[in-house]
Amino acid sequence: MFEDVLLAELIEKTKFSVFTTVRAQLHTIISVNSIILSELEDAAASGWESKTVGGIFNRMAPTLKCYKDYVAGYAEASALIKDVRAAACR
């Protein structure tokens, strides 16, 4: 319940800007991280015979750009969450 109120206030305050950008990027980032982890685990299990860490990240380079928007908006979104939580606790 508190999270619902917090989210509603945050969305109202940001008007779907920074917070929604950061939130939208989370799904992509989680997916990218899962793919990288899976490839690293497969490579480790095979004794690194056919893959290298550098090769895995090189192949994933185009998708790593999703971190740019997330990082760019994170500080502002985090500050907004802190402000809304402080206001809710008053």
PDB file of N, CA and C in Angstrom:
ATOM      1  N   MET A   1       0.824  -1.191   0.000  1.00  0.00           N
ATOM      2  CA  MET A   1       0.000   0.000   0.000  1.00  0.00           C
ATOM      3  C   MET A   1       0.870   1.258   0.000  1.00  0.00           C
ATOM      4  N   PHE A   2       1.875   1.286   0.895  1.00  0.00           N
ATOM      5  CA  PHE A   2       2.744   2.453   0.945  1.00  0.00           C
ATOM      6  C   PHE A   2       3.458   2.654  -0.378  1.00  0.00           C
ATOM      7  N   GLU A   3       3.908   1.533  -0.999  1.00  0.00           N
ATOM      8  CA  GLU A   3       4.588   1.644  -2.279  1.00  0.00           C
ATOM      9  C   GLU A   3       3.658   2.179  -3.357  1.00  0.00           C
ATOM     10  N   ASP A   4       2.371   1.797  -3.286  1.00  0.00           N
ATOM     11  CA  ASP A   4       1.406   2.306  -4.266  1.00  0.00           C
ATOM     12  C   ASP A   4       1.239   3.811  -4.136  1.00  0.00           C
ATOM     13  N   VAL A   5       1.139   4.274  -2.900  1.00  0.00           N
ATOM     14  CA  VAL A   5       1.010   5.711  -2.657  1.00  0.00           C
ATOM     15  C   VAL A   5       2.284   6.422  -3.097  1.00  0.00           C
ATOM     16  N   LEU A   6       3.424   5.836  -2.739  1.00  0.00           N
ATOM     17  CA  LEU A   6       4.705   6.407  -3.120  1.00  0.00           C
ATOM     18  C   LEU A   6       4.829   6.500  -4.634  1.00  0.00           C
ATOM     19  N   LEU A   7       4.495   5.421  -5.324  1.00  0.00           N
ATOM     20  CA  LEU A   7       4.574   5.403  -6.784  1.00  0.00           C
ATOM     21  C   LEU A   7       3.629   6.434  -7.390  1.00  0.00           C
ATOM     22  N   ALA A   8       2.399   6.519  -6.877  1.00  0.00           N
ATOM     23  CA  ALA A   8       1.435   7.487  -7.404  1.00  0.00           C
ATOM     24  C   ALA A   8       1.943   8.919  -7.227  1.00  0.00           C
ATOM     25  N   GLU A   9       2.482   9.219  -6.048  1.00  0.00           N
ATOM     26  CA  GLU A   9       3.014  10.560  -5.808  1.00  0.00           C
ATOM     27  C   GLU A   9       4.230  10.839  -6.691  1.00  0.00           C
ATOM     28  N   LEU A  10       5.061   9.833  -6.839  1.00  0.00           N
ATOM     29  CA  LEU A  10       6.259  10.007  -7.659  1.00  0.00           C
ATOM     30  C   LEU A  10       5.903  10.244  -9.120  1.00  0.00           C
ATOM     31  N   ILE A  11       4.965   9.479  -9.625  1.00  0.00           N
ATOM     32  CA  ILE A  11       4.523   9.664 -11.012  1.00  0.00           C
ATOM     33  C   ILE A  11       3.909  11.041 -11.194  1.00  0.00           C
ATOM     34  N   GLU A  12       3.103  11.457 -10.223  1.00  0.00           N
ATOM     35  CA  GLU A  12       2.493  12.783 -10.282  1.00  0.00           C
ATOM     36  C   GLU A  12       3.568  13.863 -10.296  1.00  0.00           C
ATOM     37  N   LYS A  13       4.558  13.696  -9.421  1.00  0.00           N
ATOM     38  CA  LYS A  13       5.606  14.715  -9.296  1.00  0.00           C
ATOM     39  C   LYS A  13       6.484  14.781 -10.541  1.00  0.00           C
ATOM     40  N   THR A  14       6.830  13.663 -11.099  1.00  0.00           N
ATOM     41  CA  THR A  14       7.739  13.662 -12.243  1.00  0.00           C
ATOM     42  C   THR A  14       7.029  13.790 -13.577  1.00  0.00           C
ATOM     43  N   LYS A  15       5.706  13.583 -13.533  1.00  0.00           N
ATOM     44  CA  LYS A  15       4.894  13.659 -14.751  1.00  0.00           C
ATOM     45  C   LYS A  15       5.460  12.749 -15.846  1.00  0.00           C
ATOM     46  N   PHE A  16       5.767  11.523 -15.446  1.00  0.00           N
ATOM     47  CA  PHE A  16       6.232  10.479 -16.363  1.00  0.00           C
ATOM     48  C   PHE A  16       7.550  10.793 -17.056  1.00  0.00           C
ATOM     49  N   SER A  17       8.399  11.569 -16.432  1.00  0.00           N
ATOM     50  CA  SER A  17       9.656  11.910 -17.095  1.00  0.00           C
ATOM     51  C   SER A  17      10.793  10.994 -16.657  1.00  0.00           C
ATOM     52  N   VAL A  18      11.618  11.479 -15.757  1.00  0.00           N
ATOM     53  CA  VAL A  18      12.825  10.753 -15.373  1.00  0.00           C
ATOM     54  C   VAL A  18      12.509   9.399 -14.762  1.00  0.00           C
ATOM     55  N   PHE A  19      11.564   9.363 -13.846  1.00  0.00           N
ATOM     56  CA  PHE A  19      11.253   8.103 -13.162  1.00  0.00           C
ATOM     57  C   PHE A  19      10.797   7.037 -14.149  1.00  0.00           C
ATOM     58  N   THR A  20       9.939   7.392 -15.073  1.00  0.00           N
ATOM     59  CA  THR A  20       9.446   6.398 -16.023  1.00  0.00           C
ATOM     60  C   THR A  20      10.544   5.942 -16.982  1.00  0.00           C
ATOM     61  N   THR A  21      11.476   6.843 -17.314  1.00  0.00           N
ATOM     62  CA  THR A  21      12.599   6.454 -18.159  1.00  0.00           C
ATOM     63  C   THR A  21      13.465   5.420 -17.447  1.00  0.00           C
ATOM     64  N   VAL A  22      13.797   5.699 -16.190  1.00  0.00           N
ATOM     65  CA  VAL A  22      14.613   4.767 -15.409  1.00  0.00           C
ATOM     66  C   VAL A  22      13.876   3.454 -15.225  1.00  0.00           C
ATOM     67  N   ARG A  23      12.608   3.527 -14.887  1.00  0.00           N
ATOM     68  CA  ARG A  23      11.807   2.319 -14.669  1.00  0.00           C
ATOM     69  C   ARG A  23      11.695   1.486 -15.947  1.00  0.00           C
ATOM     70  N   ALA A  24      11.523   2.147 -17.073  1.00  0.00           N
ATOM     71  CA  ALA A  24      11.400   1.436 -18.343  1.00  0.00           C
ATOM     72  C   ALA A  24      12.703   0.727 -18.711  1.00  0.00           C
ATOM     73  N   GLN A  25      13.821   1.311 -18.336  1.00  0.00           N
ATOM     74  CA  GLN A  25      15.112   0.716 -18.655  1.00  0.00           C
ATOM     75  C   GLN A  25      15.408  -0.517 -17.811  1.00  0.00           C
ATOM     76  N   LEU A  26      14.775  -0.633 -16.653  1.00  0.00           N
ATOM     77  CA  LEU A  26      15.070  -1.768 -15.769  1.00  0.00           C
ATOM     78  C   LEU A  26      14.813  -3.109 -16.440  1.00  0.00           C
ATOM     79  N   HIS A  27      13.715  -3.237 -17.159  1.00  0.00           N
ATOM     80  CA  HIS A  27      13.401  -4.509 -17.814  1.00  0.00           C
ATOM     81  C   HIS A  27      14.492  -4.871 -18.820  1.00  0.00           C
ATOM     82  N   THR A  28      14.915  -3.902 -19.596  1.00  0.00           N
ATOM     83  CA  THR A  28      15.960  -4.132 -20.586  1.00  0.00           C
ATOM     84  C   THR A  28      17.272  -4.501 -19.912  1.00  0.00           C
ATOM     85  N   ILE A  29      17.629  -3.784 -18.867  1.00  0.00           N
ATOM     86  CA  ILE A  29      18.882  -4.043 -18.159  1.00  0.00           C
ATOM     87  C   ILE A  29      18.876  -5.435 -17.536  1.00  0.00           C
ATOM     88  N   ILE A  30      17.778  -5.818 -16.939  1.00  0.00           N
ATOM     89  CA  ILE A  30      17.676  -7.156 -16.343  1.00  0.00           C
ATOM     90  C   ILE A  30      17.821  -8.219 -17.427  1.00  0.00           C
ATOM     91  N   SER A  31      17.209  -8.008 -18.565  1.00  0.00           N
ATOM     92  CA  SER A  31      17.330  -8.961 -19.674  1.00  0.00           C
ATOM     93  C   SER A  31      18.765  -9.067 -20.176  1.00  0.00           C
ATOM     94  N   VAL A  32      19.409  -7.930 -20.363  1.00  0.00           N
ATOM     95  CA  VAL A  32      20.797  -7.921 -20.831  1.00  0.00           C
ATOM     96  C   VAL A  32      21.696  -8.627 -19.823  1.00  0.00           C
ATOM     97  N   ASN A  33      21.513  -8.311 -18.539  1.00  0.00           N
ATOM     98  CA  ASN A  33      22.318  -8.952 -17.498  1.00  0.00           C
ATOM     99  C   ASN A  33      22.118 -10.459 -17.497  1.00  0.00           C
ATOM    100  N   SER A  34      20.885 -10.907 -17.698  1.00  0.00           N
ATOM    101  CA  SER A  34      20.599 -12.345 -17.721  1.00  0.00           C
ATOM    102  C   SER A  34      21.308 -13.029 -18.887  1.00  0.00           C
ATOM    103  N   ILE A  35      21.304 -12.384 -20.044  1.00  0.00           N
ATOM    104  CA  ILE A  35      21.977 -12.950 -21.220  1.00  0.00           C
ATOM    105  C   ILE A  35      23.482 -13.030 -20.985  1.00  0.00           C
ATOM    106  N   ILE A  36      24.058 -11.952 -20.462  1.00  0.00           N
ATOM    107  CA  ILE A  36      25.504 -11.947 -20.198  1.00  0.00           C
ATOM    108  C   ILE A  36      25.862 -13.029 -19.183  1.00  0.00           C
ATOM    109  N   LEU A  37      25.096 -13.125 -18.109  1.00  0.00           N
ATOM    110  CA  LEU A  37      25.362 -14.142 -17.098  1.00  0.00           C
ATOM    111  C   LEU A  37      25.280 -15.544 -17.679  1.00  0.00           C
ATOM    112  N   SER A  38      24.265 -15.784 -18.486  1.00  0.00           N
ATOM    113  CA  SER A  38      24.098 -17.098 -19.108  1.00  0.00           C
ATOM    114  C   SER A  38      25.293 -17.438 -20.003  1.00  0.00           C
ATOM    115  N   GLU A  39      25.733 -16.475 -20.802  1.00  0.00           N
ATOM    116  CA  GLU A  39      26.876 -16.711 -21.682  1.00  0.00           C
ATOM    117  C   GLU A  39      28.162 -16.940 -20.883  1.00  0.00           C
ATOM    118  N   LEU A  40      28.348 -16.185 -19.809  1.00  0.00           N
ATOM    119  CA  LEU A  40      29.526 -16.373 -18.970  1.00  0.00           C
ATOM    120  C   LEU A  40      29.508 -17.742 -18.288  1.00  0.00           C
ATOM    121  N   GLU A  41      28.344 -18.151 -17.818  1.00  0.00           N
ATOM    122  CA  GLU A  41      28.219 -19.471 -17.188  1.00  0.00           C
ATOM    123  C   GLU A  41      28.493 -20.583 -18.199  1.00  0.00           C
ATOM    124  N   ASP A  42      27.952 -20.445 -19.403  1.00  0.00           N
ATOM    125  CA  ASP A  42      28.201 -21.447 -20.455  1.00  0.00           C
ATOM    126  C   ASP A  42      29.689 -21.521 -20.799  1.00  0.00           C
ATOM    127  N   ALA A  43      30.317 -20.366 -20.927  1.00  0.00           N
ATOM    128  CA  ALA A  43      31.740 -20.333 -21.257  1.00  0.00           C
ATOM    129  C   ALA A  43      32.573 -20.957 -20.137  1.00  0.00           C
ATOM    130  N   ALA A  44      32.243 -20.655 -18.893  1.00  0.00           N
ATOM    131  CA  ALA A  44      32.980 -21.225 -17.759  1.00  0.00           C
ATOM    132  C   ALA A  44      32.787 -22.736 -17.697  1.00  0.00           C
ATOM    133  N   ALA A  45      31.565 -23.189 -17.962  1.00  0.00           N
ATOM    134  CA  ALA A  45      31.280 -24.622 -17.922  1.00  0.00           C
ATOM    135  C   ALA A  45      32.041 -25.383 -19.004  1.00  0.00           C
ATOM    136  N   SER A  46      32.298 -24.724 -20.124  1.00  0.00           N
ATOM    137  CA  SER A  46      33.019 -25.383 -21.216  1.00  0.00           C
ATOM    138  C   SER A  46      34.525 -25.187 -21.110  1.00  0.00           C
ATOM    139  N   GLY A  47      34.963 -24.602 -20.017  1.00  0.00           N
ATOM    140  CA  GLY A  47      36.397 -24.380 -19.835  1.00  0.00           C
ATOM    141  C   GLY A  47      36.936 -23.228 -20.657  1.00  0.00           C
ATOM    142  N   TRP A  48      36.083 -22.319 -21.071  1.00  0.00           N
ATOM    143  CA  TRP A  48      36.463 -21.144 -21.851  1.00  0.00           C
ATOM    144  C   TRP A  48      37.105 -21.533 -23.185  1.00  0.00           C
ATOM    145  N   GLU A  49      36.679 -22.677 -23.721  1.00  0.00           N
ATOM    146  CA  GLU A  49      37.265 -23.156 -24.978  1.00  0.00           C
ATOM    147  C   GLU A  49      36.836 -22.344 -26.190  1.00  0.00           C
ATOM    148  N   SER A  50      35.575 -21.942 -26.224  1.00  0.00           N
ATOM    149  CA  SER A  50      35.089 -21.280 -27.430  1.00  0.00           C
ATOM    150  C   SER A  50      34.708 -19.812 -27.217  1.00  0.00           C
ATOM    151  N   LYS A  51      34.704 -19.356 -25.968  1.00  0.00           N
ATOM    152  CA  LYS A  51      34.302 -17.973 -25.695  1.00  0.00           C
ATOM    153  C   LYS A  51      35.272 -17.330 -24.720  1.00  0.00           C
ATOM    154  N   THR A  52      35.400 -16.005 -24.853  1.00  0.00           N
ATOM    155  CA  THR A  52      36.193 -15.230 -23.902  1.00  0.00           C
ATOM    156  C   THR A  52      35.292 -14.165 -23.294  1.00  0.00           C
ATOM    157  N   VAL A  53      35.683 -13.649 -22.144  1.00  0.00           N
ATOM    158  CA  VAL A  53      34.910 -12.581 -21.508  1.00  0.00           C
ATOM    159  C   VAL A  53      34.814 -11.388 -22.451  1.00  0.00           C
ATOM    160  N   GLY A  54      35.950 -11.028 -23.044  1.00  0.00           N
ATOM    161  CA  GLY A  54      35.954  -9.903 -23.983  1.00  0.00           C
ATOM    162  C   GLY A  54      35.048 -10.141 -25.176  1.00  0.00           C
ATOM    163  N   GLY A  55      35.057 -11.358 -25.705  1.00  0.00           N
ATOM    164  CA  GLY A  55      34.196 -11.689 -26.839  1.00  0.00           C
ATOM    165  C   GLY A  55      32.722 -11.591 -26.494  1.00  0.00           C
ATOM    166  N   ILE A  56      32.378 -12.033 -25.289  1.00  0.00           N
ATOM    167  CA  ILE A  56      30.977 -11.959 -24.856  1.00  0.00           C
ATOM    168  C   ILE A  56      30.535 -10.504 -24.761  1.00  0.00           C
ATOM    169  N   PHE A  57      31.339  -9.678 -24.101  1.00  0.00           N
ATOM    170  CA  PHE A  57      30.969  -8.264 -23.967  1.00  0.00           C
ATOM    171  C   PHE A  57      31.023  -7.544 -25.307  1.00  0.00           C
ATOM    172  N   ASN A  58      31.920  -7.929 -26.174  1.00  0.00           N
ATOM    173  CA  ASN A  58      31.988  -7.324 -27.504  1.00  0.00           C
ATOM    174  C   ASN A  58      30.713  -7.607 -28.293  1.00  0.00           C
ATOM    175  N   ARG A  59      30.237  -8.842 -28.226  1.00  0.00           N
ATOM    176  CA  ARG A  59      28.976  -9.191 -28.909  1.00  0.00           C
ATOM    177  C   ARG A  59      27.788  -8.448 -28.308  1.00  0.00           C
ATOM    178  N   MET A  60      27.840  -8.184 -27.006  1.00  0.00           N
ATOM    179  CA  MET A  60      26.723  -7.528 -26.316  1.00  0.00           C
ATOM    180  C   MET A  60      26.822  -5.998 -26.359  1.00  0.00           C
ATOM    181  N   ALA A  61      27.898  -5.467 -26.902  1.00  0.00           N
ATOM    182  CA  ALA A  61      28.146  -4.015 -26.893  1.00  0.00           C
ATOM    183  C   ALA A  61      26.956  -3.173 -27.355  1.00  0.00           C
ATOM    184  N   PRO A  62      26.287  -3.508 -28.447  1.00  0.00           N
ATOM    185  CA  PRO A  62      25.158  -2.673 -28.859  1.00  0.00           C
ATOM    186  C   PRO A  62      24.030  -2.606 -27.817  1.00  0.00           C
ATOM    187  N   THR A  63      23.844  -3.681 -27.088  1.00  0.00           N
ATOM    188  CA  THR A  63      22.768  -3.681 -26.092  1.00  0.00           C
ATOM    189  C   THR A  63      23.187  -3.021 -24.784  1.00  0.00           C
ATOM    190  N   LEU A  64      24.475  -2.856 -24.569  1.00  0.00           N
ATOM    191  CA  LEU A  64      24.935  -2.217 -23.338  1.00  0.00           C
ATOM    192  C   LEU A  64      24.616  -0.723 -23.308  1.00  0.00           C
ATOM    193  N   LYS A  65      24.222  -0.174 -24.439  1.00  0.00           N
ATOM    194  CA  LYS A  65      23.851   1.241 -24.491  1.00  0.00           C
ATOM    195  C   LYS A  65      22.617   1.554 -23.646  1.00  0.00           C
ATOM    196  N   CYS A  66      21.853   0.519 -23.290  1.00  0.00           N
ATOM    197  CA  CYS A  66      20.670   0.740 -22.457  1.00  0.00           C
ATOM    198  C   CYS A  66      21.047   1.295 -21.082  1.00  0.00           C
ATOM    199  N   TYR A  67      22.277   1.051 -20.662  1.00  0.00           N
ATOM    200  CA  TYR A  67      22.726   1.573 -19.371  1.00  0.00           C
ATOM    201  C   TYR A  67      22.861   3.086 -19.381  1.00  0.00           C
ATOM    202  N   LYS A  68      23.100   3.679 -20.537  1.00  0.00           N
ATOM    203  CA  LYS A  68      23.313   5.123 -20.645  1.00  0.00           C
ATOM    204  C   LYS A  68      22.120   5.910 -20.106  1.00  0.00           C
ATOM    205  N   ASP A  69      20.919   5.598 -20.580  1.00  0.00           N
ATOM    206  CA  ASP A  69      19.722   6.307 -20.121  1.00  0.00           C
ATOM    207  C   ASP A  69      19.436   6.022 -18.648  1.00  0.00           C
ATOM    208  N   TYR A  70      19.659   4.772 -18.269  1.00  0.00           N
ATOM    209  CA  TYR A  70      19.414   4.404 -16.874  1.00  0.00           C
ATOM    210  C   TYR A  70      20.324   5.201 -15.940  1.00  0.00           C
ATOM    211  N   VAL A  71      21.598   5.226 -16.243  1.00  0.00           N
ATOM    212  CA  VAL A  71      22.556   5.932 -15.395  1.00  0.00           C
ATOM    213  C   VAL A  71      22.305   7.433 -15.429  1.00  0.00           C
ATOM    214  N   ALA A  72      21.976   7.954 -16.600  1.00  0.00           N
ATOM    215  CA  ALA A  72      21.745   9.395 -16.736  1.00  0.00           C
ATOM    216  C   ALA A  72      20.585   9.868 -15.873  1.00  0.00           C
ATOM    217  N   GLY A  73      19.559   9.063 -15.727  1.00  0.00           N
ATOM    218  CA  GLY A  73      18.394   9.481 -14.951  1.00  0.00           C
ATOM    219  C   GLY A  73      18.352   8.962 -13.530  1.00  0.00           C
ATOM    220  N   TYR A  74      19.294   8.101 -13.169  1.00  0.00           N
ATOM    221  CA  TYR A  74      19.234   7.445 -11.868  1.00  0.00           C
ATOM    222  C   TYR A  74      19.332   8.418 -10.699  1.00  0.00           C
ATOM    223  N   ALA A  75      20.281   9.321 -10.731  1.00  0.00           N
ATOM    224  CA  ALA A  75      20.485  10.247  -9.617  1.00  0.00           C
ATOM    225  C   ALA A  75      19.241  11.097  -9.381  1.00  0.00           C
ATOM    226  N   GLU A  76      18.666  11.599 -10.455  1.00  0.00           N
ATOM    227  CA  GLU A  76      17.467  12.431 -10.318  1.00  0.00           C
ATOM    228  C   GLU A  76      16.279  11.615  -9.821  1.00  0.00           C
ATOM    229  N   ALA A  77      16.098  10.417 -10.367  1.00  0.00           N
ATOM    230  CA  ALA A  77      14.994   9.565  -9.923  1.00  0.00           C
ATOM    231  C   ALA A  77      15.176   9.167  -8.466  1.00  0.00           C
ATOM    232  N   SER A  78      16.387   8.874  -8.067  1.00  0.00           N
ATOM    233  CA  SER A  78      16.680   8.505  -6.681  1.00  0.00           C
ATOM    234  C   SER A  78      16.382   9.666  -5.740  1.00  0.00           C
ATOM    235  N   ALA A  79      16.761  10.869  -6.133  1.00  0.00           N
ATOM    236  CA  ALA A  79      16.476  12.057  -5.324  1.00  0.00           C
ATOM    237  C   ALA A  79      14.972  12.287  -5.197  1.00  0.00           C
ATOM    238  N   LEU A  80      14.232  12.057  -6.279  1.00  0.00           N
ATOM    239  CA  LEU A  80      12.782  12.224  -6.227  1.00  0.00           C
ATOM    240  C   LEU A  80      12.142  11.201  -5.287  1.00  0.00           C
ATOM    241  N   ILE A  81      12.617   9.966  -5.334  1.00  0.00           N
ATOM    242  CA  ILE A  81      12.090   8.943  -4.430  1.00  0.00           C
ATOM    243  C   ILE A  81      12.358   9.336  -2.983  1.00  0.00           C
ATOM    244  N   LYS A  82      13.551   9.814  -2.704  1.00  0.00           N
ATOM    245  CA  LYS A  82      13.903  10.248  -1.354  1.00  0.00           C
ATOM    246  C   LYS A  82      12.987  11.380  -0.890  1.00  0.00           C
ATOM    247  N   ASP A  83      12.732  12.364  -1.758  1.00  0.00           N
ATOM    248  CA  ASP A  83      11.853  13.486  -1.418  1.00  0.00           C
ATOM    249  C   ASP A  83      10.433  13.023  -1.130  1.00  0.00           C
ATOM    250  N   VAL A  84       9.926  12.115  -1.965  1.00  0.00           N
ATOM    251  CA  VAL A  84       8.556  11.639  -1.782  1.00  0.00           C
ATOM    252  C   VAL A  84       8.447  10.827  -0.495  1.00  0.00           C
ATOM    253  N   ARG A  85       9.433   9.975  -0.217  1.00  0.00           N
ATOM    254  CA  ARG A  85       9.426   9.209   1.035  1.00  0.00           C
ATOM    255  C   ARG A  85       9.458  10.114   2.241  1.00  0.00           C
ATOM    256  N   ALA A  86      10.290  11.159   2.176  1.00  0.00           N
ATOM    257  CA  ALA A  86      10.375  12.106   3.291  1.00  0.00           C
ATOM    258  C   ALA A  86       9.042  12.816   3.496  1.00  0.00           C
ATOM    259  N   ALA A  87       8.402  13.207   2.414  1.00  0.00           N
ATOM    260  CA  ALA A  87       7.106  13.874   2.500  1.00  0.00           C
ATOM    261  C   ALA A  87       6.031  12.933   3.043  1.00  0.00           C
ATOM    262  N   ALA A  88       6.100  11.662   2.681  1.00  0.00           N
ATOM    263  CA  ALA A  88       5.097  10.683   3.132  1.00  0.00           C
ATOM    264  C   ALA A  88       5.251  10.374   4.610  1.00  0.00           C
ATOM    265  N   CYS A  89       6.455  10.531   5.142  1.00  0.00           N
ATOM    266  CA  CYS A  89       6.715  10.214   6.556  1.00  0.00           C
ATOM    267  C   CYS A  89       6.399  11.381   7.477  1.00  0.00           C
ATOM    268  N   ARG A  90       6.058  12.505   6.932  1.00  0.00           N
ATOM    269  CA  ARG A  90       5.756  13.697   7.775  1.00  0.00           C
ATOM    270  C   ARG A  90       4.376  13.626   8.339  1.00  0.00           C
TER     271      ARG A  90
END
